Structure formats: structure tokens, C-alpha cells
Amino acid sequence: MILMYHKISPNAPTMWWVDVDSFYRQLHSLRNRKVVYLDDYDSADATQVVITFDGVYRNVLQYAAPLLKHFGYPFELFVTSDYIGKDNEFDTPEPFTEFASQSELKQLINMGGRLQWHSRSHANLGKTNDRELIRRELDIPCNVRQLDSSGFKWFAYPHGTFNDLVLDCLRTSHFIGGLSCHQGSDNNRLCLNRMTVTTDTCLSTTSVSVVIACYNYGIYLIEAVESVLRQTVAPQEILISDDASTDDTPIIMEMLAKRYVKLIRTHRNERNLGIIEHFNKALSMTSGDYICFLGADNRFRSDYLERTVELLDAQPEAAIAYTDFALFGERAALIAADFSEHYPVTTKGGRFHIVKFPEFDDESRRTLLKKRNFIHGSSLFRRRAFFEAGGYASSTGPEDWFLFRRMIESGWSAVRSPYPLLEYRQHSRDQANVRLVSELALSYYKDECKRLGNEISRIKKTVSWRVTAPLRASWNISRDTLKVGGRALRSLFRFKQ
């Protein structure tokens, strides 16, 4: 695949411009491809990509080259010598812009570009039978040729057109190949076709759906949606799914849907379904290869999808891409203290408590399956793995943990991004995760208290009621057990506050 760009800028006023955000996302989509120079291009290799620019305009140096250098991609620059250092005043339908100067072309070469030829005057050679005119347009002035000793082996037909005479002249010239954009073929080296890239061009081979699940969190919904809209790599669809909220959620989500018609869809359940039925229904309304659920009271860091999609694309055996997260909000410090019993926790700026989870290996796999969950519910996962596992289902623990355990048990693996990409708000005892954990903890501690009470009653029948160190040993009440009891009392106190 050979890509053709013209102008890159913050905005795209016409189809010949690609905005910077879209350009970045397109480059990111190529990270698992082989981006090569034309000299190394093999049209039979479907994994290879060539990036080309026609013009060449100054905005390519300003906006495109830094991103190409960031990704480490080579690129080709097809110059028209009569316009070097000038502007496009002649191109009246197009907004005014300037061509790169010779010194700027040298900067582009230093950043990974290679100069190629696009004729002297950009004449439409497909409409002429004047051999001398064609040869003149193919001839490269010495002052231009000396700009790049490694370049000027390829020719791009002006306006993408040619005729038999032009092909014959190119065949007998020093050029090793030519490029068109609609008249050529995929395998003829003298007239290879290129894809014209626009702002709307999607180069990704996988699609992503984000479900923003909401129930009476209208006050936070705009923050959640904006965090998805700010992603460096955008999802193909955003579904706001409301589980019959009684607050102003319906009004807010409809307002957002009208503002972002192309990207956001909304759905509202007529009655409250609860987490499991709601999530399964919401997912059935999406189409992405990768799915993630974002609670309406939480936020994604702007590179959440970029980093997690990259992991799943690179590791086909992984069903889940999980991340560290940053707790924030009124109860963040309290919840972080609980997490610190199992995972490293650091505090940033006195507001964010960053929890670092383990890498996925044999030991952490056993932990996930037998002891506790370290994969948060907003992790990115494969649609295929979701259906293989049977979707969300009822269990005695959190629904996301039960889903991920079944994915892992069926043979899938998981992969961690070591960044706090999820900002996890802790604001209320009525949050689903806090309430569930508290209820499970309360149930556990009630059972423990009952067991210890029965043990004490049994012992009281045979000994006097005086707790001494030797008796504690005989009762098998260890220091660890006493610590558990202490934590139980603290947890019960917090739960009832």
C-alpha cells in the first residue's frame, strides 16, 4: 500500500488537507506494518506501506515530519521545482499555503524524508504528445538534484495521469519507477497506484467500541465522554447506555449525541436491569473488535486507547489489555489504603493515588483465578473472547472478575500497560464496586465472628474465662487472626459511617 498526502495542518479545510489529529491516528494504525522507502517496496508484501507527500508544502515540515520522526517512519517527498519556496496562489480553489524552501527540504531529509520528482511545472503530461516537453518535465535541475544524493529515483505523474508516450519516456529515463493515483496498477513498477488519504481515511485493521455505562451519574457524564473524545487514537463508536436513571442523565446524553452525531449513539433502558443484564445488552449494540466499558463517573487518560489497542494488536493471544489506575475523589485515600495491602500505591499531588498492578505471568494468573482481581472493569477486551466466555454472568464476586477469570481459564492471556490510564473516581459508598466489596467483606467478617464465637463457647465449657497467652496458643488464635479481626472492625466502622 502506497499512501499519498498533500497538506497537514491543525484543520482540514478541503479533502487535500489532513488534520494533525487524524494524521497521528493514521500513523499509529501503521505501527504493526512495515513502513519502507519506495526503493525497498515489494507490492506483493501486504504488510508493507510507503508514505508519500506531493508538493512539498511547508506544513509537512511543521506538522507531519515531527510525528513521522516520533514513529520512526521513512517517507517520500515528491517536489515540483518551479514551486520550491513559493506559494499556491495559482491554485485558486485551495486555501493559501506555502511550499517548502530548499533549506526546509534539507530539514525534511534530516528527519527521514527522501526527495523524489514530481516534474518541473506540474503539467498534465497525460494530455500531451510532445516528447520534448515530456523530457523537459522529467529532467531534474542540478541545484535540486544535489539536495538529496539518495533520492530522485522515482517519478509521480502530475495529476496522476499519463499516456503511452509518457510511459515510454519514463522507461528510457534514469527513473526506476513511477506513481499514479488512479490510472496505474498495483504491480507495474512504472505506474504503481497510490491511495489518496483524507482526514476521514481509517487505516486501522481493528475497530474499537467504548460503552459509557451510566446510572444516576449525570453530574459526571460530560467528563467521562470528553475523556473518550480526547483520545489520541479515537474509537470507531461511543455508546452511552443509561440503565433507567432518575436524574438528568437522559437530557445530558441526548445533548451530547446531537453535538457529536457521527460518533456518539445513546440508549436508555425502560427499566433498571442491573449491571450484568445492562452490560450484556449494551455490548450487543456495538460492533467493535475491541470493547471497553467506562463508568460514567470515571475518566480515561488521553492515551488510554492508543496504548491498550497497541497491546492487543501486537499480542493476538491476549484477550484483555489492563492498566494501572489513579484513584481520585473524596474516598480515594481510604480506598487506596485498602489497595496498599496487596499492591504498591503512590500519591501524586496529594490528589491522585496510583495503584500499580502486577504483570501477567504464571504467578499473577494463579492470583487472578484463585484469590483476587487485579484487572479493572474498564480494561479493553476482545469481542471474540467475550462471547467465548459467555459474557457477563452472575457470581458471588464482581461481574468483571468473573468474566476475566473465564476468559483466562479458556486459554486466553492478558497483558498490562504500566501506566495509570484509568482515573477511577471514589466519591460515594453507593458506588457499585464499593458497595459490593463492602457487602462481601461484611458477610465474610460476620461468618468469621460467628465461627470465633462458636469456638469460644466450646472452650468456655471446659476452662475458666481468662484469655492468657498460653490459652491463645491452644485455641489457635494467632496474631494474624487477631489482625484480621482488627481490620474487620475498621472495615465495619467505615461501612456503617
Protein backbone atom coordinates (compact mmCIF):
# COMPACT_ATOMS: atom_id res chain seq x y z
CA MET A 1 0.00 0.00 0.00
CA ILE A 2 1.33 3.41 -1.01
CA LEU A 3 -0.27 6.41 0.72
CA MET A 4 -0.48 9.89 -0.80
CA TYR A 5 -0.74 13.04 1.31
CA HIS A 6 -0.62 16.68 0.31
CA LYS A 7 -1.09 19.06 3.25
CA ILE A 8 -1.10 18.52 7.03
CA SER A 9 -2.35 21.18 9.44
CA PRO A 10 -4.41 21.62 12.63
CA ASN A 11 -7.56 21.85 10.48
CA ALA A 12 -8.62 20.31 7.17
CA PRO A 13 -10.44 22.91 5.02
CA THR A 14 -10.63 20.65 1.92
CA MET A 15 -10.08 17.00 1.02
CA TRP A 16 -6.43 17.73 0.16
CA TRP A 17 -5.67 18.52 3.78
CA VAL A 18 -5.45 16.07 6.69
CA ASP A 19 -5.77 17.46 10.22
CA VAL A 20 -2.98 16.68 12.69
CA ASP A 21 -5.11 14.53 14.99
CA SER A 22 -6.25 12.30 12.14
CA PHE A 23 -2.71 12.11 10.76
CA TYR A 24 -1.40 10.95 14.14
CA ARG A 25 -4.10 8.28 14.38
CA GLN A 26 -3.36 7.09 10.86
CA LEU A 27 0.34 6.79 11.66
CA HIS A 28 -0.48 4.90 14.85
CA SER A 29 -2.54 2.42 12.82
CA LEU A 30 0.60 1.55 10.83
CA ARG A 31 2.77 0.62 13.81
CA ASN A 32 2.40 -3.13 13.13
CA ARG A 33 3.12 -2.66 9.42
CA LYS A 34 6.49 -2.29 7.67
CA VAL A 35 6.84 1.35 6.61
CA VAL A 36 9.56 1.48 3.94
CA TYR A 37 11.08 3.67 1.26
CA LEU A 38 9.98 3.11 -2.33
CA ASP A 39 13.36 1.54 -3.14
CA ASP A 40 12.51 -1.28 -0.69
CA TYR A 41 8.85 -1.61 -1.57
CA ASP A 42 7.51 -5.01 -2.60
CA SER A 43 3.94 -4.71 -3.88
CA ALA A 44 3.41 -8.43 -3.18
CA ASP A 45 4.03 -7.89 0.56
CA ALA A 46 0.70 -6.80 2.05
CA THR A 47 2.39 -5.71 5.29
CA GLN A 48 4.47 -3.00 3.59
CA VAL A 49 3.44 0.65 3.46
CA VAL A 50 5.03 3.68 1.78
CA ILE A 51 4.17 7.23 2.92
CA THR A 52 4.40 9.89 0.21
CA PHE A 53 3.76 13.64 0.02
CA ASP A 54 3.15 15.63 -3.15
CA GLY A 55 4.08 19.30 -3.28
CA VAL A 56 6.01 19.61 -0.99
CA TYR A 57 4.38 22.13 1.36
CA ARG A 58 5.92 23.85 4.37
CA ASN A 59 3.21 22.44 6.64
CA VAL A 60 4.65 18.97 6.03
CA LEU A 61 7.78 20.13 7.87
CA GLN A 62 5.74 21.89 10.56
CA TYR A 63 3.22 19.21 11.39
CA ALA A 64 3.89 15.91 9.61
CA ALA A 65 7.65 15.40 9.94
CA PRO A 66 7.80 15.59 13.77
CA LEU A 67 5.14 12.87 14.03
CA LEU A 68 6.82 10.73 11.38
CA LYS A 69 10.07 11.04 13.32
CA HIS A 70 8.25 10.12 16.54
CA PHE A 71 7.09 6.85 14.96
CA GLY A 72 10.40 6.31 13.16
CA TYR A 73 8.75 6.14 9.73
CA PRO A 74 10.60 6.92 6.48
CA PHE A 75 8.72 8.99 3.90
CA GLU A 76 8.96 10.17 0.29
CA LEU A 77 8.70 13.80 -0.87
CA PHE A 78 7.70 14.46 -4.48
CA VAL A 79 8.81 18.01 -5.35
CA THR A 80 7.87 20.30 -8.23
CA SER A 81 10.94 22.50 -8.81
CA ASP A 82 9.11 25.60 -10.16
CA TYR A 83 7.25 25.95 -6.84
CA ILE A 84 10.06 25.38 -4.33
CA GLY A 85 9.98 28.25 -1.82
CA LYS A 86 6.84 29.81 -3.39
CA ASP A 87 3.11 29.60 -2.63
CA ASN A 88 -0.02 28.07 -4.18
CA GLU A 89 -1.59 31.34 -5.31
CA PHE A 90 -2.22 29.72 -8.69
CA ASP A 91 -4.46 27.08 -7.07
CA THR A 92 -7.45 29.36 -6.52
CA PRO A 93 -9.93 26.82 -5.08
CA GLU A 94 -7.45 25.87 -2.34
CA PRO A 95 -6.69 27.93 0.79
CA PHE A 96 -3.41 29.82 0.62
CA THR A 97 -0.31 27.91 1.76
CA GLU A 98 3.43 27.91 1.05
CA PHE A 99 5.75 25.34 -0.47
CA ALA A 100 8.90 24.30 1.37
CA SER A 101 12.14 26.09 0.51
CA GLN A 102 15.39 24.31 -0.34
CA SER A 103 16.66 24.69 3.23
CA GLU A 104 13.38 23.29 4.55
CA LEU A 105 13.61 20.35 2.16
CA LYS A 106 17.04 19.61 3.66
CA GLN A 107 15.48 19.64 7.13
CA LEU A 108 12.91 17.13 5.94
CA ILE A 109 15.67 14.89 4.61
CA ASN A 110 17.38 15.01 8.01
CA MET A 111 14.11 13.92 9.62
CA GLY A 112 13.78 10.79 7.49
CA GLY A 113 12.45 12.11 4.18
CA ARG A 114 13.74 11.28 0.73
CA LEU A 115 13.27 13.62 -2.25
CA GLN A 116 11.66 12.33 -5.44
CA TRP A 117 10.49 14.02 -8.62
CA HIS A 118 7.07 15.46 -9.48
CA SER A 119 8.07 17.39 -12.65
CA ARG A 120 9.21 20.98 -13.18
CA SER A 121 5.83 22.70 -13.61
CA HIS A 122 3.18 20.10 -12.69
CA ALA A 123 1.89 20.00 -16.26
CA ASN A 124 -0.72 17.37 -17.14
CA LEU A 125 1.50 15.05 -19.19
CA GLY A 126 -1.33 12.68 -19.96
CA LYS A 127 -2.73 15.26 -22.38
CA THR A 128 0.40 15.88 -24.45
CA ASN A 129 2.22 14.04 -27.23
CA ASP A 130 5.18 16.43 -27.23
CA ARG A 131 8.17 14.22 -26.43
CA GLU A 132 10.47 17.18 -25.82
CA LEU A 133 8.04 18.71 -23.35
CA ILE A 134 7.79 15.41 -21.51
CA ARG A 135 11.56 15.00 -21.39
CA ARG A 136 11.94 18.53 -20.08
CA GLU A 137 9.44 17.84 -17.30
CA LEU A 138 11.31 14.66 -16.41
CA ASP A 139 14.67 16.46 -16.28
CA ILE A 140 15.80 17.44 -12.77
CA PRO A 141 17.73 20.74 -12.41
CA CYS A 142 21.22 20.29 -10.94
CA ASN A 143 20.57 22.64 -7.99
CA VAL A 144 17.58 20.48 -6.99
CA ARG A 145 19.21 17.12 -7.63
CA GLN A 146 22.11 17.96 -5.33
CA LEU A 147 19.72 18.35 -2.39
CA ASP A 148 19.46 14.59 -1.92
CA SER A 149 22.09 12.17 -3.23
CA SER A 150 19.92 9.18 -2.24
CA GLY A 151 16.77 10.38 -3.93
CA PHE A 152 15.22 11.27 -7.29
CA LYS A 153 14.82 7.67 -8.45
CA TRP A 154 11.01 7.78 -8.56
CA PHE A 155 8.56 9.94 -10.50
CA ALA A 156 4.98 10.85 -9.56
CA TYR A 157 2.79 11.72 -12.56
CA PRO A 158 1.31 15.25 -12.19
CA HIS A 159 -2.47 14.99 -11.77
CA GLY A 160 -1.95 11.21 -11.62
CA THR A 161 -2.30 10.84 -15.41
CA PHE A 162 -0.04 9.56 -18.20
CA ASN A 163 -0.20 8.15 -21.73
CA ASP A 164 1.88 5.63 -23.68
CA LEU A 165 4.39 8.28 -24.72
CA VAL A 166 4.93 9.38 -21.13
CA LEU A 167 5.43 5.73 -20.08
CA ASP A 168 7.93 5.24 -22.89
CA CYS A 169 9.88 8.34 -21.87
CA LEU A 170 9.90 7.21 -18.24
CA ARG A 171 11.04 3.73 -19.25
CA THR A 172 14.09 5.14 -21.07
CA SER A 173 14.95 7.63 -18.29
CA HIS A 174 17.02 7.15 -15.15
CA PHE A 175 13.89 6.67 -13.02
CA ILE A 176 13.29 3.16 -11.67
CA GLY A 177 9.55 3.61 -11.19
CA GLY A 178 6.52 5.86 -11.37
CA LEU A 179 3.43 6.54 -9.29
CA SER A 180 -0.12 7.40 -10.23
CA CYS A 181 -3.20 7.74 -8.02
CA HIS A 182 -5.96 6.24 -10.13
CA GLN A 183 -4.70 5.32 -13.60
CA GLY A 184 -1.98 2.83 -12.65
CA SER A 185 -1.89 -0.67 -11.22
CA ASP A 186 -0.82 -2.46 -8.06
CA ASN A 187 2.15 -4.30 -9.55
CA ASN A 188 3.50 -2.37 -12.57
CA ARG A 189 6.58 -0.60 -11.22
CA LEU A 190 6.27 2.14 -13.85
CA CYS A 191 2.79 3.17 -12.71
CA LEU A 192 2.05 1.98 -9.19
CA ASN A 193 -1.19 3.32 -7.76
CA ARG A 194 -1.42 5.29 -4.53
CA MET A 195 -4.24 5.74 -2.03
CA THR A 196 -5.30 9.37 -1.57
CA VAL A 197 -5.53 9.86 2.20
CA THR A 198 -8.08 12.27 3.68
CA THR A 199 -8.98 13.20 7.24
CA ASP A 200 -11.68 10.52 7.22
CA THR A 201 -9.41 7.72 5.98
CA CYS A 202 -9.17 4.87 8.51
CA LEU A 203 -6.05 2.72 8.19
CA SER A 204 -6.66 0.55 11.23
CA THR A 205 -7.35 -3.15 10.75
CA THR A 206 -9.29 -3.37 14.03
CA SER A 207 -12.20 -1.33 15.38
CA VAL A 208 -12.90 -0.14 18.91
CA SER A 209 -16.20 0.46 20.71
CA VAL A 210 -16.43 2.33 24.01
CA VAL A 211 -19.53 1.89 26.15
CA ILE A 212 -20.10 4.59 28.75
CA ALA A 213 -22.40 2.95 31.27
CA CYS A 214 -24.48 5.32 33.35
CA TYR A 215 -26.91 5.10 36.24
CA ASN A 216 -27.67 8.37 38.05
CA TYR A 217 -24.21 9.77 37.27
CA GLY A 218 -25.38 12.62 35.04
CA ILE A 219 -23.29 15.06 37.04
CA TYR A 220 -20.11 13.28 35.86
CA LEU A 221 -21.20 12.14 32.39
CA ILE A 222 -19.73 15.04 30.38
CA GLU A 223 -16.29 14.46 31.94
CA ALA A 224 -16.40 10.79 31.00
CA VAL A 225 -17.46 11.48 27.42
CA GLU A 226 -14.88 14.22 26.96
CA SER A 227 -12.14 11.87 28.16
CA VAL A 228 -13.07 9.48 25.33
CA LEU A 229 -13.33 12.26 22.75
CA ARG A 230 -9.83 13.43 23.70
CA GLN A 231 -8.22 10.08 22.92
CA THR A 232 -5.10 10.27 20.75
CA VAL A 233 -6.50 7.22 18.94
CA ALA A 234 -10.25 7.57 18.62
CA PRO A 235 -12.75 4.72 18.90
CA GLN A 236 -14.97 3.96 15.93
CA GLU A 237 -18.07 4.32 18.10
CA ILE A 238 -19.15 5.56 21.51
CA LEU A 239 -22.35 4.23 23.05
CA ILE A 240 -23.78 5.98 26.09
CA SER A 241 -26.03 3.42 27.75
CA ASP A 242 -28.27 4.50 30.61
CA ASP A 243 -29.86 1.99 32.98
CA ALA A 244 -33.10 3.94 33.64
CA SER A 245 -31.54 6.80 35.60
CA THR A 246 -33.82 9.06 37.61
CA ASP A 247 -31.53 12.11 37.47
CA ASP A 248 -30.77 14.37 34.46
CA THR A 249 -28.69 11.72 32.67
CA PRO A 250 -31.16 11.33 29.73
CA ILE A 251 -31.10 15.07 28.98
CA ILE A 252 -27.32 15.28 29.09
CA MET A 253 -26.66 12.21 26.94
CA GLU A 254 -29.10 13.34 24.26
CA MET A 255 -27.40 16.74 24.17
CA LEU A 256 -24.05 15.02 23.67
CA ALA A 257 -25.44 12.77 20.94
CA LYS A 258 -26.72 15.80 19.00
CA ARG A 259 -23.37 17.55 19.31
CA TYR A 260 -21.35 14.52 18.13
CA VAL A 261 -23.75 12.94 15.66
CA LYS A 262 -21.14 10.89 13.77
CA LEU A 263 -19.52 9.31 16.81
CA ILE A 264 -21.95 9.07 19.74
CA ARG A 265 -25.06 6.90 19.98
CA THR A 266 -27.32 6.64 23.02
CA HIS A 267 -29.59 4.01 24.52
CA ARG A 268 -31.81 4.10 27.59
CA ASN A 269 -33.33 1.07 29.29
CA GLU A 270 -37.01 1.44 30.12
CA ARG A 271 -36.39 -0.23 33.48
CA ASN A 272 -33.32 -0.74 35.60
CA LEU A 273 -31.65 -4.00 34.51
CA GLY A 274 -28.72 -4.09 36.91
CA ILE A 275 -25.07 -4.29 35.92
CA ILE A 276 -24.95 -7.74 34.30
CA GLU A 277 -28.03 -7.53 32.09
CA HIS A 278 -27.34 -3.88 31.29
CA PHE A 279 -23.73 -4.52 30.22
CA ASN A 280 -24.61 -7.53 28.09
CA LYS A 281 -27.35 -5.59 26.35
CA ALA A 282 -25.10 -2.58 25.75
CA LEU A 283 -22.34 -4.71 24.27
CA SER A 284 -24.81 -6.37 21.90
CA MET A 285 -25.49 -2.91 20.46
CA THR A 286 -21.83 -2.34 19.48
CA SER A 287 -19.72 -3.75 16.65
CA GLY A 288 -16.08 -3.14 17.58
CA ASP A 289 -13.43 -5.87 17.57
CA TYR A 290 -12.28 -4.46 20.92
CA ILE A 291 -14.64 -3.29 23.67
CA CYS A 292 -14.24 -1.38 26.89
CA PHE A 293 -16.74 -0.13 29.45
CA LEU A 294 -16.19 3.21 31.12
CA GLY A 295 -18.27 4.08 34.16
CA ALA A 296 -19.89 7.49 33.69
CA ASP A 297 -18.22 8.69 36.89
CA ASN A 298 -14.69 7.78 35.71
CA ARG A 299 -12.27 9.11 33.08
CA PHE A 300 -9.70 7.81 30.63
CA ARG A 301 -6.28 9.36 30.24
CA SER A 302 -5.93 10.67 26.68
CA ASP A 303 -3.61 7.81 25.61
CA TYR A 304 -5.73 5.00 27.08
CA LEU A 305 -6.91 3.57 23.77
CA GLU A 306 -3.62 4.19 21.98
CA ARG A 307 -1.68 2.08 24.47
CA THR A 308 -4.22 -0.68 25.06
CA VAL A 309 -5.16 -1.15 21.39
CA GLU A 310 -1.48 -1.39 20.53
CA LEU A 311 -1.06 -4.20 23.07
CA LEU A 312 -3.96 -6.27 21.75
CA ASP A 313 -2.94 -5.70 18.13
CA ALA A 314 0.59 -6.91 18.90
CA GLN A 315 -0.42 -9.92 21.03
CA PRO A 316 -3.20 -11.95 19.39
CA GLU A 317 -3.14 -14.48 22.25
CA ALA A 318 -4.19 -11.80 24.74
CA ALA A 319 -7.90 -11.27 25.37
CA ILE A 320 -7.51 -8.36 27.81
CA ALA A 321 -5.32 -5.26 27.97
CA TYR A 322 -5.41 -3.92 31.53
CA THR A 323 -3.70 -0.92 33.11
CA ASP A 324 -2.75 0.65 36.40
CA PHE A 325 -5.17 3.28 37.65
CA ALA A 326 -5.27 6.51 39.61
CA LEU A 327 -7.84 6.78 42.40
CA PHE A 328 -9.24 10.27 42.98
CA GLY A 329 -12.17 11.84 44.77
CA GLU A 330 -13.45 12.10 48.32
CA ARG A 331 -12.78 8.50 49.33
CA ALA A 332 -9.64 7.94 47.26
CA ALA A 333 -7.21 7.92 50.19
CA LEU A 334 -9.39 5.47 52.12
CA ILE A 335 -9.72 3.03 49.20
CA ALA A 336 -6.02 3.41 48.36
CA ALA A 337 -5.15 2.26 51.88
CA ASP A 338 -7.04 -0.98 51.24
CA PHE A 339 -5.27 -1.50 47.91
CA SER A 340 -1.88 -0.92 49.55
CA GLU A 341 -2.21 -4.21 51.42
CA HIS A 342 -1.64 -6.02 48.11
CA TYR A 343 -0.18 -3.56 45.57
CA PRO A 344 2.24 -0.61 45.52
CA VAL A 345 0.44 2.71 45.87
CA THR A 346 1.98 6.15 45.32
CA THR A 347 0.35 9.55 45.80
CA LYS A 348 0.77 12.36 43.28
CA GLY A 349 -0.04 15.95 44.11
CA GLY A 350 -1.96 14.89 47.18
CA ARG A 351 -4.95 14.06 44.97
CA PHE A 352 -4.20 11.02 42.84
CA HIS A 353 -3.37 7.66 44.39
CA ILE A 354 -1.74 5.49 41.73
CA VAL A 355 -2.16 1.73 42.13
CA LYS A 356 0.36 -0.46 40.29
CA PHE A 357 -0.82 -3.93 39.38
CA PRO A 358 1.35 -6.98 38.59
CA GLU A 359 2.44 -8.06 35.14
CA PHE A 360 0.53 -11.02 33.78
CA ASP A 361 2.60 -14.16 34.36
CA ASP A 362 2.10 -17.62 35.86
CA GLU A 363 2.03 -16.31 39.43
CA SER A 364 -0.38 -13.44 38.77
CA ARG A 365 -2.55 -15.78 36.68
CA ARG A 366 -2.98 -18.01 39.76
CA THR A 367 -3.75 -14.95 41.86
CA LEU A 368 -6.39 -13.82 39.40
CA LEU A 369 -8.03 -17.22 39.25
CA LYS A 370 -7.91 -18.12 42.95
CA LYS A 371 -7.52 -15.05 45.18
CA ARG A 372 -8.29 -11.57 43.91
CA ASN A 373 -8.85 -9.45 40.84
CA PHE A 374 -6.23 -7.01 39.56
CA ILE A 375 -7.84 -6.34 36.17
CA HIS A 376 -10.22 -3.39 36.45
CA GLY A 377 -13.62 -3.40 34.79
CA SER A 378 -12.66 -0.71 32.25
CA SER A 379 -9.99 -2.88 30.65
CA LEU A 380 -10.03 -3.31 26.87
CA PHE A 381 -11.01 -6.82 25.74
CA ARG A 382 -11.69 -8.75 22.55
CA ARG A 383 -15.26 -9.23 21.45
CA ARG A 384 -14.41 -12.79 20.39
CA ALA A 385 -13.13 -13.70 23.86
CA PHE A 386 -16.19 -12.11 25.47
CA PHE A 387 -18.60 -14.35 23.57
CA GLU A 388 -16.43 -17.41 24.04
CA ALA A 389 -16.62 -16.81 27.80
CA GLY A 390 -20.40 -16.39 27.70
CA GLY A 391 -20.48 -12.67 28.50
CA TYR A 392 -21.16 -11.14 31.89
CA ALA A 393 -22.77 -13.58 34.31
CA SER A 394 -23.89 -13.74 37.93
CA SER A 395 -21.42 -14.85 40.58
CA THR A 396 -20.59 -14.27 44.23
CA GLY A 397 -17.92 -11.71 43.25
CA PRO A 398 -17.63 -8.73 40.91
CA GLU A 399 -19.02 -9.37 37.43
CA ASP A 400 -15.84 -8.18 35.66
CA TRP A 401 -13.63 -10.51 37.69
CA PHE A 402 -15.88 -13.45 36.86
CA LEU A 403 -15.77 -12.57 33.15
CA PHE A 404 -11.99 -12.18 33.03
CA ARG A 405 -11.41 -15.40 35.00
CA ARG A 406 -13.47 -17.35 32.48
CA MET A 407 -11.51 -15.80 29.60
CA ILE A 408 -8.21 -16.83 31.22
CA GLU A 409 -9.49 -20.28 32.12
CA SER A 410 -10.41 -20.90 28.49
CA GLY A 411 -6.81 -20.34 27.37
CA TRP A 412 -6.56 -16.62 26.69
CA SER A 413 -3.88 -14.48 28.33
CA ALA A 414 -3.81 -10.82 29.40
CA VAL A 415 -1.28 -8.01 29.03
CA ARG A 416 -0.62 -4.97 31.22
CA SER A 417 0.10 -1.37 30.26
CA PRO A 418 2.20 0.01 33.15
CA TYR A 419 0.56 3.44 33.18
CA PRO A 420 -2.34 4.85 35.24
CA LEU A 421 -4.56 5.20 32.18
CA LEU A 422 -7.85 4.96 34.08
CA GLU A 423 -8.82 7.73 36.51
CA TYR A 424 -11.09 5.95 38.97
CA ARG A 425 -13.35 8.26 40.96
CA GLN A 426 -14.07 7.32 44.59
CA HIS A 427 -16.90 9.52 45.74
CA SER A 428 -19.68 7.54 47.41
CA ARG A 429 -20.42 4.49 49.49
CA ASP A 430 -23.18 3.81 46.98
CA GLN A 431 -20.74 3.15 44.14
CA ALA A 432 -21.31 -0.35 42.81
CA ASN A 433 -17.75 -1.51 43.43
CA VAL A 434 -17.51 -0.02 46.93
CA ARG A 435 -20.92 -1.37 47.92
CA LEU A 436 -20.19 -4.86 46.60
CA VAL A 437 -16.78 -5.05 48.22
CA SER A 438 -18.20 -3.76 51.49
CA GLU A 439 -21.06 -6.24 51.41
CA LEU A 440 -18.72 -9.14 50.69
CA ALA A 441 -16.36 -8.00 53.44
CA LEU A 442 -19.22 -7.61 55.89
CA SER A 443 -20.52 -11.10 55.06
CA TYR A 444 -17.04 -12.56 55.48
CA TYR A 445 -16.44 -10.89 58.82
CA LYS A 446 -19.88 -11.91 60.11
CA ASP A 447 -19.04 -15.52 59.29
CA GLU A 448 -15.65 -15.16 60.99
CA CYS A 449 -17.23 -13.63 64.09
CA LYS A 450 -19.79 -16.44 64.24
CA ARG A 451 -17.06 -19.08 63.87
CA LEU A 452 -14.93 -17.49 66.56
CA GLY A 453 -17.97 -17.16 68.81
CA ASN A 454 -18.76 -20.86 68.49
CA GLU A 455 -15.13 -21.70 69.23
CA ILE A 456 -15.16 -19.51 72.31
CA SER A 457 -18.43 -21.06 73.56
CA ARG A 458 -16.95 -24.53 73.19
CA ILE A 459 -13.84 -23.59 75.13
CA LYS A 460 -15.80 -21.82 77.89
CA LYS A 461 -17.41 -25.11 78.77
CA THR A 462 -14.05 -26.57 79.81
CA VAL A 463 -11.95 -23.66 81.02
CA SER A 464 -12.47 -20.53 83.01
CA TRP A 465 -12.96 -17.31 81.05
CA ARG A 466 -9.49 -15.77 81.19
CA VAL A 467 -7.62 -15.15 77.96
CA THR A 468 -3.93 -15.78 78.55
CA ALA A 469 -1.09 -16.15 76.04
CA PRO A 470 -0.88 -19.96 76.51
CA LEU A 471 -4.64 -20.31 76.04
CA ARG A 472 -4.50 -18.23 72.88
CA ALA A 473 -1.93 -20.64 71.52
CA SER A 474 -4.08 -23.65 72.44
CA TRP A 475 -7.10 -22.06 70.80
CA ASN A 476 -5.07 -21.48 67.60
CA ILE A 477 -5.90 -17.78 67.70
CA SER A 478 -2.71 -16.43 66.09
CA ARG A 479 -1.56 -12.86 65.81
CA ASP A 480 -2.61 -12.90 62.15
CA THR A 481 -6.14 -13.85 63.19
CA LEU A 482 -6.23 -11.00 65.66
CA LYS A 483 -5.06 -8.63 62.88
CA VAL A 484 -7.89 -9.87 60.67
CA GLY A 485 -10.31 -9.15 63.47
CA GLY A 486 -8.90 -5.65 63.84
CA ARG A 487 -9.25 -4.99 60.12
CA ALA A 488 -12.79 -6.35 60.29
CA LEU A 489 -13.74 -3.86 62.98
CA ARG A 490 -12.18 -0.99 61.00
CA SER A 491 -13.98 -2.04 57.82
CA LEU A 492 -17.31 -2.38 59.62
CA PHE A 493 -16.83 1.03 61.15
CA ARG A 494 -16.12 2.59 57.74
CA PHE A 495 -19.01 0.73 56.10
CA LYS A 496 -21.54 1.95 58.67
CA GLN A 497 -20.37 5.58 58.66
